[in-house]
């Protein structure tokens, strides 16, 4: 029996979806036929390690590596000195080619285990994963970073990131996956806080002012936004801060966001501009986007451009198609598609995001995109049922009149009810069945599913293909979160 505080030697044979190494302590009494599974952080497939057991369940447990006995051929030295403590980069000690292989296998395994889809049986074609290859590298790619602010055990101000699965702040102002400009900005904010005795927020007492520092960077435009999230009605003594930040190259927007709630949610609902504009702008391809602190925008612009090119390829637009873009955010995919579609309809639950989407459409002189506020799971089924009833009433009226062409119809309604393409880019929880059912009723020739979680992707693909009307044609994975465990996937489904 394996119990807490045992020290064991184990070979790492696999990795969990969260990036923990998986080793098996084999039972010698059974000739190794069965064993106890250990999840061990900071290990790589092929490592032989000594580990101390920290927690046990019936058939598995968690351990901490105490000694690296034999390193894996895929083990590398982490570039960041706090990579192990910080919760952001779970794979930084794994070579980049091995990271890509791990992520592609993760998607394929979930499609097989959860979705019942097998490459070996020819259920779909898995294209090679697209990583951050030359001239880019898998570092300094993030255009957005949120730095919590607090104090260490001695009361000193610290700015950095939360340690994995905790709210303990790891002091780190020079993150190697963030924009290079971040470190200088954080140094300015820290000096200003110290000089003016601006207190950091304390989660336990709900006192203090500065909770987080949000930095957004337009990689194509060079524009920079700094937004301080504060636990106050206003920010005092900010003139010096504005003066120094405004000198940073590319600085476009200096803002505060008000969050006075006792919550783990980082941003409040309201922002105030201290200097410059209330947004920055950035480009993906030839589409320009206006991005506010509250906007959702993909964090890796290089990979996002590659992804959207693939979405366009899968959509196979000729200029005659109507397209639904579900979970459209600020219209990033919608406007990309609108360049080659007849009409695009976007749905998003966040009102501010829809306002941004409309502004972005105007910014790009795009007039063939229309946006709706609401949950895609509610808006699309309700809309479909309403339009279907209206179409039926028009058809009955046409029969009564004796000539259908005498009754005004709506070509737009037809386009919206029976689109040529549906693009869906849901959050990690995937799509609700009500939305999937409506997509099946709309019966577009093509569905393009963009996913940031391969487990819920696999579940939804199983549902969409269960009726036999759709088949998964191709799956393309993208490494948008280099050094971390997450992976983006784009899937093309077509009617049989």
Protein backbone atom coordinates (compact mmCIF):
# COMPACT_ATOMS: atom_id res chain seq x y z
CA UNK A 1 0.00 0.00 0.00
CA UNK A 2 1.20 3.48 -0.86
CA UNK A 3 0.58 6.02 1.89
CA UNK A 4 1.24 9.70 2.56
CA UNK A 5 4.91 10.66 3.09
CA UNK A 6 6.21 7.53 1.36
CA UNK A 7 9.23 8.19 -0.86
CA UNK A 8 9.23 6.21 -4.10
CA UNK A 9 11.23 5.98 -7.30
CA UNK A 10 9.09 6.10 -10.42
CA UNK A 11 9.38 6.51 -14.20
CA UNK A 12 7.09 9.09 -15.77
CA UNK A 13 5.12 7.27 -18.48
CA UNK A 14 2.45 9.80 -19.46
CA UNK A 15 1.09 13.25 -18.65
CA UNK A 16 -2.30 14.45 -17.46
CA UNK A 17 -4.32 17.06 -19.29
CA UNK A 18 -3.18 19.57 -16.63
CA UNK A 19 0.50 18.85 -17.39
CA UNK A 20 1.34 16.65 -14.39
CA UNK A 21 3.61 13.68 -14.99
CA UNK A 22 2.00 10.28 -14.48
CA UNK A 23 4.03 7.47 -12.98
CA UNK A 24 3.00 4.02 -11.79
CA UNK A 25 4.41 2.39 -8.68
CA UNK A 26 4.22 -1.26 -9.65
CA UNK A 27 3.19 -3.91 -7.15
CA UNK A 28 6.00 -6.45 -6.89
CA UNK A 29 3.73 -9.03 -5.21
CA UNK A 30 1.62 -9.21 -8.38
CA UNK A 31 4.57 -9.29 -10.71
CA UNK A 32 3.95 -5.73 -11.76
CA UNK A 33 0.55 -6.56 -13.19
CA UNK A 34 -1.09 -3.67 -11.33
CA UNK A 35 0.14 -0.56 -9.62
CA UNK A 36 -0.59 2.72 -7.92
CA UNK A 37 -0.82 5.82 -10.13
CA UNK A 38 0.95 8.99 -9.00
CA UNK A 39 0.51 12.47 -10.46
CA UNK A 40 3.75 14.40 -10.10
CA UNK A 41 4.08 18.09 -10.99
CA UNK A 42 7.17 19.43 -12.82
CA UNK A 43 8.02 16.11 -14.45
CA UNK A 44 8.31 15.14 -18.11
CA UNK A 45 7.57 11.88 -19.90
CA UNK A 46 10.72 9.77 -19.66
CA UNK A 47 11.97 11.25 -16.36
CA UNK A 48 13.01 8.87 -13.59
CA UNK A 49 12.35 10.66 -10.31
CA UNK A 50 12.29 10.25 -6.59
CA UNK A 51 9.00 11.57 -5.24
CA UNK A 52 7.33 12.09 -1.88
CA UNK A 53 3.67 11.11 -1.68
CA UNK A 54 1.58 14.08 -0.52
CA UNK A 55 -1.99 12.79 -0.85
CA UNK A 56 -3.59 9.44 -1.64
CA UNK A 57 -6.91 8.14 -2.92
CA UNK A 58 -7.96 4.51 -3.41
CA UNK A 59 -6.04 3.85 -6.63
CA UNK A 60 -4.07 7.03 -7.23
CA UNK A 61 -2.33 9.85 -5.44
CA UNK A 62 -0.30 13.05 -5.77
CA UNK A 63 3.40 13.37 -5.13
CA UNK A 64 6.12 16.03 -5.16
CA UNK A 65 9.38 15.43 -7.00
CA UNK A 66 12.24 15.48 -4.51
CA UNK A 67 15.03 14.36 -6.83
CA UNK A 68 15.50 14.04 -10.58
CA UNK A 69 17.40 10.78 -10.98
CA UNK A 70 17.50 10.48 -14.79
CA UNK A 71 16.21 13.34 -16.95
CA UNK A 72 14.04 12.65 -19.98
CA UNK A 73 15.48 13.29 -23.43
CA UNK A 74 12.71 15.88 -23.77
CA UNK A 75 13.60 17.79 -20.58
CA UNK A 76 15.00 21.31 -20.97
CA UNK A 77 15.94 24.06 -18.55
CA UNK A 78 13.09 26.48 -17.92
CA UNK A 79 13.73 30.00 -19.18
CA UNK A 80 11.76 31.57 -16.32
CA UNK A 81 13.34 31.34 -12.84
CA UNK A 82 9.91 30.96 -11.16
CA UNK A 83 8.38 28.56 -13.69
CA UNK A 84 7.82 25.84 -11.06
CA UNK A 85 6.18 28.10 -8.51
CA UNK A 86 4.01 30.06 -10.97
CA UNK A 87 0.81 28.45 -12.18
CA UNK A 88 1.02 29.81 -15.72
CA UNK A 89 3.59 27.66 -17.55
CA UNK A 90 3.11 23.98 -16.73
CA UNK A 91 5.28 22.70 -19.61
CA UNK A 92 8.27 25.04 -19.64
CA UNK A 93 10.65 22.22 -18.73
CA UNK A 94 9.54 20.19 -21.76
CA UNK A 95 11.16 20.72 -25.17
CA UNK A 96 8.94 22.55 -27.61
CA UNK A 97 8.60 19.67 -30.10
CA UNK A 98 7.55 17.44 -27.19
CA UNK A 99 5.00 20.06 -26.07
CA UNK A 100 3.43 20.02 -29.53
CA UNK A 101 3.28 16.22 -29.61
CA UNK A 102 1.70 16.16 -26.12
CA UNK A 103 -1.00 18.62 -27.16
CA UNK A 104 -1.87 16.87 -30.40
CA UNK A 105 -2.08 13.54 -28.60
CA UNK A 106 -4.27 15.15 -25.93
CA UNK A 107 -6.81 16.20 -28.55
CA UNK A 108 -6.72 12.88 -30.40
CA UNK A 109 -7.12 10.91 -27.16
CA UNK A 110 -10.13 12.97 -26.09
CA UNK A 111 -11.77 12.62 -29.50
CA UNK A 112 -11.34 8.85 -29.24
CA UNK A 113 -12.17 8.36 -25.55
CA UNK A 114 -15.04 10.86 -25.25
CA UNK A 115 -16.16 11.40 -28.82
CA UNK A 116 -15.80 7.85 -30.12
CA UNK A 117 -13.84 9.17 -33.13
CA UNK A 118 -10.79 7.25 -34.28
CA UNK A 119 -8.10 8.29 -36.74
CA UNK A 120 -7.17 4.66 -37.20
CA UNK A 121 -10.68 3.83 -38.41
CA UNK A 122 -10.68 6.80 -40.75
CA UNK A 123 -13.35 8.76 -38.86
CA UNK A 124 -11.47 12.00 -39.54
CA UNK A 125 -8.15 13.41 -40.72
CA UNK A 126 -5.88 14.93 -38.09
CA UNK A 127 -3.64 17.60 -39.61
CA UNK A 128 -0.20 18.27 -38.05
CA UNK A 129 -0.38 20.73 -35.16
CA UNK A 130 0.68 24.31 -35.94
CA UNK A 131 3.22 25.63 -33.44
CA UNK A 132 5.08 28.91 -33.07
CA UNK A 133 7.72 28.21 -35.67
CA UNK A 134 10.31 30.49 -37.28
CA UNK A 135 10.49 33.50 -37.42
CA UNK A 136 8.50 33.41 -34.19
CA UNK A 137 9.39 31.67 -30.95
CA UNK A 138 7.14 30.21 -28.26
CA UNK A 139 7.87 33.09 -25.85
CA UNK A 140 6.73 36.73 -25.48
CA UNK A 141 3.58 36.00 -27.46
CA UNK A 142 0.81 37.11 -25.06
CA UNK A 143 -0.84 40.44 -25.83
CA UNK A 144 -2.68 40.51 -22.50
CA UNK A 145 -1.51 40.01 -18.92
CA UNK A 146 -3.23 40.48 -15.56
CA UNK A 147 -0.87 40.91 -12.61
CA UNK A 148 -2.24 40.57 -9.05
CA UNK A 149 -0.81 43.00 -6.48
CA UNK A 150 -0.20 42.19 -2.80
CA UNK A 151 2.38 41.94 -0.04
CA UNK A 152 4.85 39.23 0.95
CA UNK A 153 5.13 37.84 4.48
CA UNK A 154 7.39 40.75 5.45
CA UNK A 155 4.92 43.34 4.21
CA UNK A 156 6.83 44.22 1.04
CA UNK A 157 4.89 45.12 -2.11
CA UNK A 158 4.87 42.38 -4.72
CA UNK A 159 3.46 42.09 -8.25
CA UNK A 160 3.36 38.90 -10.27
CA UNK A 161 1.22 35.81 -10.75
CA UNK A 162 -0.69 33.36 -8.62
CA UNK A 163 0.99 30.08 -7.76
CA UNK A 164 -0.84 27.09 -9.19
CA UNK A 165 -4.25 26.43 -7.54
CA UNK A 166 -3.66 29.17 -4.93
CA UNK A 167 -3.95 32.92 -4.46
CA UNK A 168 -0.36 33.19 -3.24
CA UNK A 169 1.39 35.78 -5.41
CA UNK A 170 4.71 34.80 -6.97
CA UNK A 171 6.78 37.99 -7.33
CA UNK A 172 7.56 38.21 -11.06
CA UNK A 173 7.43 41.36 -13.18
CA UNK A 174 9.28 40.01 -16.24
CA UNK A 175 7.18 37.13 -17.53
CA UNK A 176 8.85 35.39 -20.47
CA UNK A 177 5.56 34.67 -22.28
CA UNK A 178 4.26 38.23 -21.91
CA UNK A 179 4.95 41.33 -24.00
CA UNK A 180 8.46 42.72 -23.43
CA UNK A 181 7.00 46.14 -22.54
CA UNK A 182 5.28 44.76 -19.42
CA UNK A 183 8.27 44.76 -17.07
CA UNK A 184 8.99 48.47 -17.51
CA UNK A 185 5.32 49.36 -17.01
CA UNK A 186 5.09 47.33 -13.81
CA UNK A 187 8.25 48.98 -12.49
CA UNK A 188 6.68 52.42 -13.02
CA UNK A 189 3.45 51.40 -11.25
CA UNK A 190 5.35 49.83 -8.35
CA UNK A 191 7.54 52.89 -7.84
CA UNK A 192 4.47 55.15 -7.92
CA UNK A 193 2.67 53.00 -5.34
CA UNK A 194 5.66 53.05 -3.00
CA UNK A 195 6.28 56.78 -3.40
CA UNK A 196 2.63 57.68 -2.77
CA UNK A 197 1.88 54.99 -0.17
CA UNK A 198 -0.81 53.45 -2.39
CA UNK A 199 -1.72 50.22 -0.63
CA UNK A 200 -2.23 46.91 -2.44
CA UNK A 201 -5.47 45.02 -2.01
CA UNK A 202 -5.72 42.42 0.76
CA UNK A 203 -8.17 39.60 -0.03
CA UNK A 204 -8.60 38.66 3.63
CA UNK A 205 -9.45 42.12 4.99
CA UNK A 206 -10.96 43.54 1.76
CA UNK A 207 -8.84 46.63 2.32
CA UNK A 208 -6.27 48.31 0.11
CA UNK A 209 -6.58 49.95 -3.30
CA UNK A 210 -4.79 48.29 -6.23
CA UNK A 211 -5.99 44.74 -6.93
CA UNK A 212 -4.60 43.98 -10.39
CA UNK A 213 -2.67 45.63 -13.19
CA UNK A 214 -4.00 44.77 -16.65
CA UNK A 215 -1.77 45.40 -19.66
CA UNK A 216 -2.93 44.93 -23.27
CA UNK A 217 -0.63 45.30 -26.27
CA UNK A 218 -1.47 45.57 -29.94
CA UNK A 219 1.21 43.45 -31.58
CA UNK A 220 0.46 44.77 -35.07
CA UNK A 221 -0.01 48.42 -34.04
CA UNK A 222 2.34 48.70 -31.07
CA UNK A 223 -0.40 50.38 -29.03
CA UNK A 224 -0.45 49.76 -25.26
CA UNK A 225 -3.19 49.99 -22.63
CA UNK A 226 -2.60 49.97 -18.87
CA UNK A 227 -5.60 49.51 -16.60
CA UNK A 228 -5.40 49.49 -12.79
CA UNK A 229 -8.17 47.47 -11.14
CA UNK A 230 -8.96 49.26 -7.87
CA UNK A 231 -10.98 48.68 -4.71
CA UNK A 232 -12.02 52.35 -4.45
CA UNK A 233 -14.44 54.89 -5.86
CA UNK A 234 -11.59 56.88 -7.41
CA UNK A 235 -7.82 56.73 -7.81
CA UNK A 236 -5.94 59.43 -5.93
CA UNK A 237 -2.55 60.97 -6.74
CA UNK A 238 -2.44 59.54 -10.24
CA UNK A 239 -0.94 62.54 -12.10
CA UNK A 240 2.63 61.33 -11.54
CA UNK A 241 1.69 57.82 -12.67
CA UNK A 242 0.05 59.15 -15.84
CA UNK A 243 3.03 61.39 -16.56
CA UNK A 244 5.50 58.49 -16.37
CA UNK A 245 3.35 55.87 -18.11
CA UNK A 246 2.48 58.22 -20.97
CA UNK A 247 6.19 58.30 -21.89
CA UNK A 248 6.27 54.55 -22.55
CA UNK A 249 6.59 53.84 -26.28
CA UNK A 250 3.21 53.02 -27.78
CA UNK A 251 1.20 54.06 -24.73
CA UNK A 252 -2.31 54.81 -25.96
CA UNK A 253 -4.62 54.29 -23.01
CA UNK A 254 -4.30 54.64 -19.22
CA UNK A 255 -7.43 53.59 -17.35
CA UNK A 256 -8.85 52.42 -14.05
CA UNK A 257 -11.41 49.67 -13.55
CA UNK A 258 -13.60 49.69 -10.45
CA UNK A 259 -14.06 46.40 -8.59
CA UNK A 260 -15.22 46.77 -4.98
CA UNK A 261 -16.70 43.30 -4.67
CA UNK A 262 -15.31 40.50 -2.51
CA UNK A 263 -14.83 38.20 -5.47
CA UNK A 264 -12.22 36.29 -7.45
CA UNK A 265 -13.48 37.98 -10.63
CA UNK A 266 -10.69 40.30 -11.74
CA UNK A 267 -12.54 43.08 -13.57
CA UNK A 268 -15.52 45.15 -12.51
CA UNK A 269 -18.13 46.41 -14.94
CA UNK A 270 -17.07 50.08 -15.14
CA UNK A 271 -13.91 51.76 -16.39
CA UNK A 272 -12.65 55.35 -16.39
CA UNK A 273 -10.08 56.82 -18.75
CA UNK A 274 -7.29 58.75 -17.02
CA UNK A 275 -5.33 59.55 -20.17
CA UNK A 276 -5.58 58.83 -23.87
CA UNK A 277 -8.30 56.69 -25.43
CA UNK A 278 -10.59 54.11 -23.76
CA UNK A 279 -9.24 51.42 -26.08
CA UNK A 280 -6.33 50.30 -28.22
CA UNK A 281 -6.46 48.98 -31.77
CA UNK A 282 -4.86 45.91 -33.28
CA UNK A 283 -5.07 44.01 -36.55
CA UNK A 284 -5.56 40.40 -37.57
CA UNK A 285 -4.81 40.23 -41.25
CA UNK A 286 -6.42 43.25 -42.87
CA UNK A 287 -9.18 43.60 -40.25
CA UNK A 288 -8.67 46.25 -37.58
CA UNK A 289 -10.15 45.80 -34.09
CA UNK A 290 -10.88 48.21 -31.25
CA UNK A 291 -10.13 46.55 -27.89
CA UNK A 292 -11.21 47.85 -24.48
CA UNK A 293 -10.10 46.43 -21.09
CA UNK A 294 -13.32 44.37 -20.93
CA UNK A 295 -13.08 43.00 -24.48
CA UNK A 296 -12.38 39.36 -25.20
CA UNK A 297 -9.54 39.11 -27.71
CA UNK A 298 -7.33 36.14 -28.51
CA UNK A 299 -4.05 36.43 -26.56
CA UNK A 300 -1.73 35.08 -29.26
CA UNK A 301 -2.05 37.27 -32.39
CA UNK A 302 0.35 35.24 -34.55
CA UNK A 303 -1.52 31.98 -34.01
CA UNK A 304 -4.89 33.70 -34.16
CA UNK A 305 -4.19 34.88 -37.72
CA UNK A 306 -3.29 31.31 -38.69
CA UNK A 307 -6.43 29.98 -37.02
CA UNK A 308 -8.72 32.45 -38.74
CA UNK A 309 -7.16 31.61 -42.09
CA UNK A 310 -8.08 27.97 -41.41
CA UNK A 311 -11.62 28.95 -40.36
CA UNK A 312 -11.93 30.77 -43.68
CA UNK A 313 -10.59 27.75 -45.56
CA UNK A 314 -13.01 25.37 -43.81
CA UNK A 315 -15.93 27.77 -44.41
CA UNK A 316 -15.13 27.72 -48.16
CA UNK A 317 -16.77 31.10 -48.77
CA UNK A 318 -17.39 32.39 -52.29
CA UNK A 319 -19.29 35.58 -51.47
CA UNK A 320 -22.76 34.01 -51.73
CA UNK A 321 -23.01 32.45 -48.28
CA UNK A 322 -24.86 33.42 -45.10
CA UNK A 323 -22.95 32.61 -41.90
CA UNK A 324 -23.80 32.42 -38.21
CA UNK A 325 -20.90 33.15 -35.82
CA UNK A 326 -21.86 31.95 -32.34
CA UNK A 327 -20.02 33.31 -29.27
CA UNK A 328 -18.67 36.05 -31.53
CA UNK A 329 -17.07 38.27 -28.86
CA UNK A 330 -16.02 41.60 -30.35
CA UNK A 331 -16.56 40.23 -33.83
CA UNK A 332 -13.05 38.96 -34.49
CA UNK A 333 -14.11 35.92 -36.55
CA UNK A 334 -17.34 37.55 -37.80
CA UNK A 335 -15.56 40.44 -39.48
CA UNK A 336 -12.86 38.17 -40.85
CA UNK A 337 -15.60 36.06 -42.50
CA UNK A 338 -17.63 39.07 -43.62
CA UNK A 339 -14.88 39.97 -46.06
CA UNK A 340 -15.87 36.94 -48.17
CA UNK A 341 -19.46 36.15 -47.13
CA UNK A 342 -22.77 37.61 -48.27
CA UNK A 343 -23.96 38.09 -44.68
CA UNK A 344 -22.67 37.24 -41.20
CA UNK A 345 -24.77 37.12 -38.02
CA UNK A 346 -22.94 37.20 -34.69
CA UNK A 347 -24.25 36.32 -31.21
CA UNK A 348 -22.56 37.18 -27.91
CA UNK A 349 -23.82 37.42 -24.31
CA UNK A 350 -21.70 40.44 -23.29
CA UNK A 351 -23.40 43.73 -24.33
CA UNK A 352 -20.12 45.66 -24.34
CA UNK A 353 -18.59 43.08 -26.66
CA UNK A 354 -21.47 43.52 -29.12
CA UNK A 355 -21.01 47.29 -29.00
CA UNK A 356 -17.32 46.72 -29.74
CA UNK A 357 -18.27 44.38 -32.59
CA UNK A 358 -20.51 47.04 -34.14
CA UNK A 359 -17.78 49.66 -33.75
CA UNK A 360 -15.27 47.27 -35.33
CA UNK A 361 -17.60 46.69 -38.27
CA UNK A 362 -17.88 50.44 -38.80
CA UNK A 363 -14.12 50.85 -38.35
CA UNK A 364 -13.56 48.43 -41.25
CA UNK A 365 -16.46 49.71 -43.39
CA UNK A 366 -18.12 46.30 -43.13
CA UNK A 367 -21.88 46.53 -43.67
CA UNK A 368 -22.78 42.85 -44.10
CA UNK A 369 -22.41 41.86 -40.43
CA UNK A 370 -25.26 41.99 -37.89
CA UNK A 371 -24.90 41.32 -34.17
CA UNK A 372 -27.28 40.12 -31.43
CA UNK A 373 -26.88 40.30 -27.63
CA UNK A 374 -27.70 37.22 -25.59
CA UNK A 375 -26.71 33.67 -24.74
CA UNK A 376 -26.21 31.73 -27.94
CA UNK A 377 -28.02 28.81 -26.27
CA UNK A 378 -31.12 31.00 -25.90
CA UNK A 379 -30.92 33.48 -28.77
CA UNK A 380 -30.45 31.05 -31.63
CA UNK A 381 -33.14 28.47 -30.68
CA UNK A 382 -35.65 31.26 -29.89
CA UNK A 383 -34.82 33.11 -33.08
CA UNK A 384 -35.06 29.94 -35.17
CA UNK A 385 -38.46 29.01 -33.78
CA UNK A 386 -39.80 32.56 -34.20
CA UNK A 387 -38.61 32.87 -37.80
CA UNK A 388 -39.87 29.39 -38.64
CA UNK A 389 -43.35 30.33 -37.44
CA UNK A 390 -43.25 33.62 -39.37
CA UNK A 391 -42.22 31.77 -42.54
CA UNK A 392 -45.08 29.28 -42.06
CA UNK A 393 -47.58 32.13 -41.64
CA UNK A 394 -46.34 33.77 -44.83
CA UNK A 395 -46.66 30.47 -46.64
CA UNK A 396 -50.25 30.03 -45.46
CA UNK A 397 -51.05 33.62 -46.45
CA UNK A 398 -49.58 32.97 -49.88
CA UNK A 399 -51.85 29.95 -50.34
CA UNK A 400 -54.88 31.95 -49.29
CA UNK A 401 -53.95 34.73 -51.73
CA UNK A 402 -53.43 32.22 -54.50
CA UNK A 403 -50.03 33.49 -55.52
CA UNK A 404 -46.94 33.36 -53.33
CA UNK A 405 -45.23 36.19 -55.16
CA UNK A 406 -47.93 38.59 -54.04
CA UNK A 407 -47.00 38.07 -50.37
CA UNK A 408 -43.81 39.91 -49.27
CA UNK A 409 -41.29 37.40 -48.05
CA UNK A 410 -37.87 37.84 -46.48
CA UNK A 411 -34.82 36.49 -48.24
CA UNK A 412 -32.90 37.51 -45.12
CA UNK A 413 -35.09 35.27 -42.97
CA UNK A 414 -34.36 32.36 -45.30
CA UNK A 415 -30.64 33.04 -45.11
CA UNK A 416 -30.78 33.20 -41.31
CA UNK A 417 -32.89 30.06 -40.94
CA UNK A 418 -30.85 27.94 -43.33
CA UNK A 419 -27.29 29.32 -43.26
CA UNK A 420 -24.55 27.92 -45.44
CA UNK A 421 -22.04 27.86 -42.58
CA UNK A 422 -22.22 27.95 -38.80
CA UNK A 423 -19.04 28.88 -36.94
CA UNK A 424 -19.11 28.18 -33.21
CA UNK A 425 -16.39 29.24 -30.78
CA UNK A 426 -17.75 28.46 -27.28
CA UNK A 427 -16.09 28.87 -23.87
CA UNK A 428 -14.40 25.89 -22.25
CA UNK A 429 -17.71 24.38 -21.15
CA UNK A 430 -18.67 23.85 -24.80
CA UNK A 431 -22.20 24.10 -26.23
CA UNK A 432 -25.49 23.29 -24.55
CA UNK A 433 -27.63 20.65 -26.25
CA UNK A 434 -30.34 23.22 -27.04
CA UNK A 435 -27.88 25.06 -29.26
CA UNK A 436 -26.56 21.87 -30.87
CA UNK A 437 -30.15 20.79 -31.60
CA UNK A 438 -30.87 24.11 -33.31
CA UNK A 439 -27.69 23.86 -35.35
CA UNK A 440 -28.85 20.44 -36.55
CA UNK A 441 -32.28 21.87 -37.44
CA UNK A 442 -30.66 24.70 -39.40
CA UNK A 443 -28.69 21.99 -41.25
CA UNK A 444 -25.87 24.07 -42.75
CA UNK A 445 -23.67 22.23 -45.26
CA UNK A 446 -20.66 23.12 -43.11
CA UNK A 447 -20.07 23.58 -39.39
CA UNK A 448 -16.73 24.97 -38.22
CA UNK A 449 -16.15 24.32 -34.52
CA UNK A 450 -13.38 26.35 -32.84
CA UNK A 451 -12.50 24.89 -29.43
CA UNK A 452 -10.24 25.75 -26.50
CA UNK A 453 -11.10 22.53 -24.63
CA UNK A 454 -10.78 19.22 -26.44
CA UNK A 455 -12.85 17.31 -23.85
CA UNK A 456 -16.01 19.37 -24.39
CA UNK A 457 -15.21 19.50 -28.10
CA UNK A 458 -15.22 15.70 -28.24
CA UNK A 459 -18.51 15.54 -26.34
CA UNK A 460 -20.17 18.01 -28.72
CA UNK A 461 -18.81 16.30 -31.85
CA UNK A 462 -20.26 13.01 -30.62
CA UNK A 463 -23.66 14.70 -30.28
CA UNK A 464 -23.50 16.39 -33.69
CA UNK A 465 -22.52 13.20 -35.50
CA UNK A 466 -24.87 10.85 -33.61
CA UNK A 467 -27.79 11.43 -36.01
CA UNK A 468 -25.68 10.37 -38.97
CA UNK A 469 -26.31 13.65 -40.81
CA UNK A 470 -22.82 15.05 -40.15
CA UNK A 471 -19.30 13.71 -40.28
CA UNK A 472 -16.03 15.11 -38.96
CA UNK A 473 -13.77 15.75 -41.93
CA UNK A 474 -10.63 17.42 -40.57
CA UNK A 475 -9.14 18.49 -37.24
CA UNK A 476 -6.40 21.12 -37.01
CA UNK A 477 -4.70 21.91 -33.68
CA UNK A 478 -2.90 25.16 -32.85
CA UNK A 479 -0.51 25.94 -30.02
CA UNK A 480 -1.80 29.34 -28.89
CA UNK A 481 -0.68 28.85 -25.29
CA UNK A 482 2.98 27.92 -25.59
CA UNK A 483 4.52 26.57 -22.37
CA UNK A 484 1.01 25.91 -20.98
CA UNK A 485 -1.25 22.86 -21.33
CA UNK A 486 -4.13 24.37 -23.30
CA UNK A 487 -4.53 23.80 -27.02
CA UNK A 488 -6.88 25.26 -29.62
CA UNK A 489 -8.57 23.06 -32.22
CA UNK A 490 -10.56 23.82 -35.37
CA UNK A 491 -12.86 21.10 -36.71
CA UNK A 492 -14.70 20.91 -40.00
CA UNK A 493 -17.99 19.01 -40.06
CA UNK A 494 -19.86 18.44 -43.29
CA UNK A 495 -23.20 16.91 -44.18
CA UNK A 496 -23.03 13.32 -45.34
